[in-house]
N, C-alpha and C. Protein backbone atom coordinates (compact mmCIF):
# COMPACT_ATOMS: atom_id res chain seq x y z
N MET A 1 -0.71 29.03 31.27
CA MET A 1 -1.10 27.70 31.93
C MET A 1 -1.42 27.34 30.75
N ARG A 2 -2.68 27.60 30.17
CA ARG A 2 -2.75 26.64 28.82
C ARG A 2 -2.32 26.70 27.72
N ARG A 3 -1.55 27.65 27.82
CA ARG A 3 -0.64 27.63 26.55
C ARG A 3 0.55 26.11 26.68
N PHE A 4 0.97 26.52 28.05
CA PHE A 4 1.94 25.02 28.39
C PHE A 4 1.10 23.88 28.01
N PHE A 5 0.21 23.43 28.47
CA PHE A 5 -0.29 22.26 28.13
C PHE A 5 -0.71 21.97 26.89
N GLN A 6 -0.72 22.98 26.33
CA GLN A 6 -1.09 22.83 24.32
C GLN A 6 0.03 22.16 24.19
N VAL A 7 1.06 22.90 24.35
CA VAL A 7 2.47 22.42 24.00
C VAL A 7 2.99 20.91 24.32
N ALA A 8 2.53 20.92 25.74
CA ALA A 8 2.86 19.62 25.87
C ALA A 8 2.40 18.64 25.49
N ILE A 9 0.96 18.51 25.25
CA ILE A 9 0.04 17.41 24.39
C ILE A 9 0.85 17.39 23.32
N PHE A 10 0.83 18.40 22.35
CA PHE A 10 1.75 18.49 21.02
C PHE A 10 2.79 17.87 20.81
N ALA A 11 3.62 17.99 21.92
CA ALA A 11 4.92 17.63 22.25
C ALA A 11 4.84 16.02 22.53
N LEU A 12 3.77 15.34 23.15
CA LEU A 12 3.67 14.22 23.27
C LEU A 12 2.99 13.61 22.25
N LEU A 13 2.28 14.21 21.41
CA LEU A 13 2.01 13.62 20.13
C LEU A 13 2.93 13.42 19.23
N THR A 14 3.57 14.79 18.94
CA THR A 14 4.75 14.37 18.00
C THR A 14 5.66 13.54 18.20
N SER A 15 6.14 13.52 19.58
CA SER A 15 7.11 12.27 19.88
C SER A 15 6.66 10.91 19.33
N SER A 16 5.31 10.64 19.48
CA SER A 16 5.03 9.25 19.60
C SER A 16 4.70 9.02 18.17
N ALA A 17 4.29 10.21 17.47
CA ALA A 17 4.29 10.02 15.90
C ALA A 17 6.05 9.84 14.93
N SER A 18 7.21 10.60 15.61
CA SER A 18 8.13 10.50 15.24
C SER A 18 8.66 8.95 15.35
N ALA A 19 8.42 8.48 16.75
CA ALA A 19 8.96 7.46 17.41
C ALA A 19 8.03 6.51 16.51
N GLN A 20 7.20 6.56 16.05
CA GLN A 20 6.37 5.77 14.73
C GLN A 20 7.28 5.51 13.39
N THR A 21 7.61 6.71 12.95
CA THR A 21 8.19 6.79 11.88
C THR A 21 10.00 6.24 11.93
N THR A 22 10.09 6.16 12.54
CA THR A 22 11.30 4.97 13.02
C THR A 22 11.22 3.93 13.34
N LEU A 23 10.25 3.09 12.86
CA LEU A 23 10.26 1.69 13.15
C LEU A 23 10.83 1.17 12.30
N GLU A 24 11.33 -0.47 12.96
CA GLU A 24 11.79 -1.05 11.91
C GLU A 24 10.89 -1.77 10.66
N PRO A 25 10.92 -1.88 9.71
CA PRO A 25 10.20 -2.04 8.70
C PRO A 25 8.99 -3.03 8.85
N ALA A 26 9.56 -4.20 9.62
CA ALA A 26 8.67 -5.31 10.07
C ALA A 26 7.09 -4.48 11.15
N ALA A 27 8.13 -3.65 11.93
CA ALA A 27 7.33 -3.52 12.96
C ALA A 27 6.36 -2.14 12.29
N GLN A 28 6.73 -1.13 11.37
CA GLN A 28 6.09 -0.39 10.73
C GLN A 28 4.92 -1.00 10.16
N ARG A 29 5.28 -2.37 9.34
CA ARG A 29 3.99 -2.59 8.69
C ARG A 29 3.29 -3.50 9.35
N GLY A 30 3.65 -3.78 10.62
CA GLY A 30 2.49 -4.16 11.54
C GLY A 30 1.78 -2.97 12.21
N LEU A 31 2.17 -1.69 12.65
CA LEU A 31 1.45 -0.75 12.58
C LEU A 31 0.50 -0.31 11.65
N THR A 32 0.59 -0.82 10.32
CA THR A 32 -0.17 -0.21 9.20
C THR A 32 -1.27 -1.12 9.44
N LEU A 33 -0.84 -2.69 9.44
CA LEU A 33 -1.88 -3.59 10.08
C LEU A 33 -2.98 -3.29 10.97
N ALA A 34 -2.46 -2.85 12.25
CA ALA A 34 -3.24 -2.09 13.30
C ALA A 34 -3.87 -1.06 13.16
N ARG A 35 -3.44 -0.11 12.07
CA ARG A 35 -4.36 0.93 12.03
C ARG A 35 -5.93 0.57 11.24
N ALA A 36 -5.42 -0.20 10.20
CA ALA A 36 -6.32 -0.76 9.30
C ALA A 36 -7.46 -1.48 9.84
N ASN A 37 -6.97 -2.44 10.80
CA ASN A 37 -7.66 -3.46 11.19
C ASN A 37 -8.28 -3.44 12.82
N CYS A 38 -7.35 -2.31 13.59
CA CYS A 38 -7.91 -2.50 15.19
C CYS A 38 -8.17 -1.01 15.47
N ALA A 39 -7.59 -0.50 14.82
CA ALA A 39 -7.77 1.55 15.56
C ALA A 39 -9.00 1.54 15.58
N ARG A 40 -9.78 1.58 15.39
CA ARG A 40 -11.28 1.91 15.26
C ARG A 40 -11.67 1.64 16.78
N CYS A 41 -11.11 0.47 17.44
CA CYS A 41 -11.93 0.16 18.53
C CYS A 41 -10.77 0.12 19.64
N HIS A 42 -9.37 -0.03 19.20
CA HIS A 42 -8.24 -0.11 20.09
C HIS A 42 -7.04 1.00 20.03
N SER A 43 -6.57 1.53 21.06
CA SER A 43 -5.45 2.16 21.11
C SER A 43 -4.50 1.64 20.80
N ILE A 44 -3.52 2.16 19.65
CA ILE A 44 -2.68 1.47 19.01
C ILE A 44 -1.33 2.39 19.32
N ASP A 45 -1.46 2.89 20.32
CA ASP A 45 -0.14 4.10 20.47
C ASP A 45 0.24 3.60 22.23
N ARG A 46 1.04 4.34 22.68
CA ARG A 46 1.34 4.70 23.85
C ARG A 46 0.46 5.86 24.90
N VAL A 47 -0.49 6.57 24.13
CA VAL A 47 -0.75 7.54 25.56
C VAL A 47 -2.38 7.50 25.30
N THR A 48 -3.02 7.11 24.38
CA THR A 48 -4.31 7.59 23.87
C THR A 48 -5.18 6.16 24.67
N ALA A 49 -6.55 6.75 24.82
CA ALA A 49 -7.52 5.79 25.55
C ALA A 49 -8.05 4.82 23.97
N SER A 50 -8.62 3.64 24.72
CA SER A 50 -9.08 2.74 23.63
C SER A 50 -10.44 3.83 22.61
N PRO A 51 -10.91 3.64 21.63
CA PRO A 51 -12.25 4.44 21.25
C PRO A 51 -13.34 3.61 21.99
N LEU A 52 -13.09 2.25 21.79
CA LEU A 52 -13.94 1.15 22.32
C LEU A 52 -13.44 1.01 23.80
N ALA A 53 -14.44 1.32 24.85
CA ALA A 53 -13.65 1.33 26.32
C ALA A 53 -13.71 -0.61 26.58
N ILE A 54 -13.98 -1.23 26.07
CA ILE A 54 -14.15 -2.86 26.51
C ILE A 54 -12.68 -3.40 25.76
N ALA A 55 -12.25 -2.78 24.78
CA ALA A 55 -10.90 -2.59 23.91
C ALA A 55 -9.76 -2.64 24.69
N PRO A 56 -8.84 -3.52 25.20
CA PRO A 56 -7.73 -2.89 25.93
C PRO A 56 -6.75 -2.44 24.72
N PRO A 57 -6.02 -1.21 25.30
CA PRO A 57 -4.81 -0.70 24.64
C PRO A 57 -3.81 -1.54 24.55
N PHE A 58 -3.34 -1.32 23.32
CA PHE A 58 -2.61 -2.76 23.05
C PHE A 58 -1.37 -2.53 23.56
N ARG A 59 -0.91 -1.35 24.16
CA ARG A 59 0.25 -1.15 25.12
C ARG A 59 0.15 -1.99 26.18
N THR A 60 -0.81 -2.37 26.67
CA THR A 60 -1.19 -2.99 27.91
C THR A 60 -1.01 -4.40 27.63
N LEU A 61 -1.02 -4.81 26.52
CA LEU A 61 -1.28 -6.67 26.50
C LEU A 61 -0.19 -7.03 26.66
N HIS A 62 1.00 -6.36 26.90
CA HIS A 62 2.42 -7.48 27.29
C HIS A 62 2.71 -7.56 28.90
N LYS A 63 1.57 -6.71 29.34
CA LYS A 63 1.36 -7.15 30.85
C LYS A 63 0.30 -8.02 31.27
N LYS A 64 -0.02 -8.76 30.72
CA LYS A 64 -0.77 -9.75 30.65
C LYS A 64 -0.40 -10.98 30.40
N TYR A 65 0.46 -10.97 29.35
CA TYR A 65 1.15 -12.28 28.79
C TYR A 65 2.22 -11.88 27.79
N PRO A 66 3.27 -12.63 27.17
CA PRO A 66 3.73 -12.61 26.42
C PRO A 66 3.13 -12.37 25.01
N VAL A 67 3.33 -11.24 24.09
CA VAL A 67 2.76 -10.85 22.59
C VAL A 67 2.93 -12.27 21.78
N GLU A 68 4.08 -12.96 21.73
CA GLU A 68 4.02 -14.00 21.01
C GLU A 68 3.13 -15.35 21.59
N ASN A 69 2.67 -14.86 22.44
CA ASN A 69 1.30 -16.06 22.37
C ASN A 69 0.20 -15.90 21.74
N LEU A 70 -0.10 -14.69 20.89
CA LEU A 70 -0.69 -14.13 20.07
C LEU A 70 -0.43 -14.86 18.84
N GLU A 71 0.31 -15.19 18.23
CA GLU A 71 0.65 -15.93 16.91
C GLU A 71 -0.17 -16.59 16.34
N GLU A 72 -0.26 -17.70 16.93
CA GLU A 72 -1.40 -18.63 16.89
C GLU A 72 -2.90 -18.42 16.74
N ALA A 73 -3.30 -17.65 17.56
CA ALA A 73 -4.59 -16.78 17.49
C ALA A 73 -4.91 -16.28 16.01
N LEU A 74 -3.49 -15.29 15.85
CA LEU A 74 -3.62 -14.38 14.72
C LEU A 74 -3.43 -15.16 13.39
N ALA A 75 -2.87 -15.97 13.16
CA ALA A 75 -2.73 -16.90 12.20
C ALA A 75 -4.29 -17.54 12.02
N GLN A 76 -4.64 -18.20 12.89
CA GLN A 76 -6.16 -19.06 12.80
C GLN A 76 -7.21 -18.34 12.49
N GLY A 77 -7.10 -17.18 13.30
CA GLY A 77 -8.58 -16.64 13.18
C GLY A 77 -8.88 -16.25 14.71
N ILE A 78 -8.79 -14.69 15.22
CA ILE A 78 -9.41 -14.44 16.63
C ILE A 78 -10.97 -14.24 15.96
N SER A 79 -11.34 -15.12 16.81
CA SER A 79 -13.10 -15.03 16.88
C SER A 79 -13.63 -14.69 17.94
N THR A 80 -12.54 -14.44 19.35
CA THR A 80 -13.19 -13.84 20.48
C THR A 80 -12.10 -12.75 20.58
N GLY A 81 -12.39 -12.18 22.02
CA GLY A 81 -11.74 -10.90 22.43
C GLY A 81 -12.43 -10.46 23.02
N HIS A 82 -13.01 -9.06 23.11
CA HIS A 82 -14.38 -8.33 23.51
C HIS A 82 -15.60 -8.88 22.50
N PRO A 83 -16.67 -8.49 23.00
CA PRO A 83 -17.87 -9.20 22.42
C PRO A 83 -18.12 -8.40 21.07
N THR A 84 -17.59 -7.50 20.83
CA THR A 84 -17.84 -6.67 19.49
C THR A 84 -17.14 -7.07 18.26
N MET A 85 -15.71 -8.10 18.48
CA MET A 85 -14.85 -7.73 17.94
C MET A 85 -15.18 -8.97 16.79
N PRO A 86 -14.75 -8.21 15.43
CA PRO A 86 -14.58 -9.23 14.26
C PRO A 86 -14.08 -10.28 14.19
N GLU A 87 -13.91 -11.28 13.82
CA GLU A 87 -13.32 -12.32 13.23
C GLU A 87 -12.70 -11.95 12.12
N PHE A 88 -11.14 -12.04 12.46
CA PHE A 88 -10.13 -11.93 11.50
C PHE A 88 -8.92 -12.41 11.43
N ARG A 89 -8.15 -12.71 10.51
CA ARG A 89 -6.78 -13.84 10.34
C ARG A 89 -5.90 -13.30 9.26
N PHE A 90 -4.63 -13.17 10.12
CA PHE A 90 -3.33 -12.70 9.13
C PHE A 90 -2.74 -13.61 8.62
N ASP A 91 -2.09 -13.69 7.49
CA ASP A 91 -0.89 -14.64 6.77
C ASP A 91 -0.04 -14.53 7.78
N PRO A 92 1.36 -15.32 7.55
CA PRO A 92 2.24 -15.69 8.59
C PRO A 92 3.19 -14.43 8.67
N GLY A 93 3.26 -13.95 7.16
CA GLY A 93 3.93 -12.66 6.91
C GLY A 93 3.64 -11.16 8.00
N GLN A 94 2.16 -11.28 8.01
CA GLN A 94 1.36 -10.48 8.81
C GLN A 94 1.54 -10.54 10.14
N VAL A 95 1.19 -11.86 10.51
CA VAL A 95 1.51 -12.05 12.22
C VAL A 95 3.12 -11.55 12.84
N SER A 96 3.78 -11.98 12.17
CA SER A 96 5.29 -11.41 12.22
C SER A 96 5.59 -9.92 12.60
N ASP A 97 4.76 -9.43 11.90
CA ASP A 97 4.82 -7.80 11.58
C ASP A 97 4.08 -7.11 12.76
N PHE A 98 2.84 -7.76 12.55
CA PHE A 98 2.03 -7.12 13.79
C PHE A 98 2.69 -7.63 15.16
N ILE A 99 3.42 -8.59 15.45
CA ILE A 99 4.04 -9.02 16.72
C ILE A 99 5.14 -8.11 16.88
N ALA A 100 5.89 -7.44 16.04
CA ALA A 100 7.19 -6.68 15.84
C ALA A 100 6.79 -5.20 16.28
N PHE A 101 5.45 -4.90 15.97
CA PHE A 101 4.85 -3.85 15.88
C PHE A 101 4.26 -3.50 17.61
N LEU A 102 3.51 -4.76 17.97
CA LEU A 102 3.37 -4.99 19.48
C LEU A 102 4.48 -4.96 20.65
N LYS A 103 5.35 -5.43 20.39
CA LYS A 103 6.92 -5.63 20.78
C LYS A 103 7.11 -4.27 20.88
N THR A 104 7.09 -3.33 19.86
CA THR A 104 7.37 -1.83 20.09
C THR A 104 6.81 -0.94 20.99
N LEU A 105 5.77 -1.35 21.63
CA LEU A 105 4.94 -0.60 22.53
C LEU A 105 5.33 -1.06 24.20
N GLU A 106 6.01 -2.20 24.00
CA GLU A 106 6.25 -2.86 25.40
C GLU A 106 7.78 -2.18 25.99
N ARG A 107 8.22 -0.98 25.53
CA ARG A 107 9.21 -0.10 25.43
C ARG A 107 8.89 0.86 26.38
């Protein structure tokens, strides 16, 4: 039984990784941004918990509002979110890439 769970977890992780390798170029660049800037606090995949409990998993953002609504905040600089979130700003191309990545998590 333990072996079954190990295989099931491995299958989930590898299917998630293979899905990420087949992303459109913009979404792949957005994933790279998320890994570099967000993953230490937020879950950026479809299954894991966020490393920081108060940081929402990115896969749930579209349930609260359209992710396109984040475009302006990402371009102007997010200075709120959760209390320990650092302020950062993306350039317009990065914003588009990041939104493209977030949209892949809606499926």
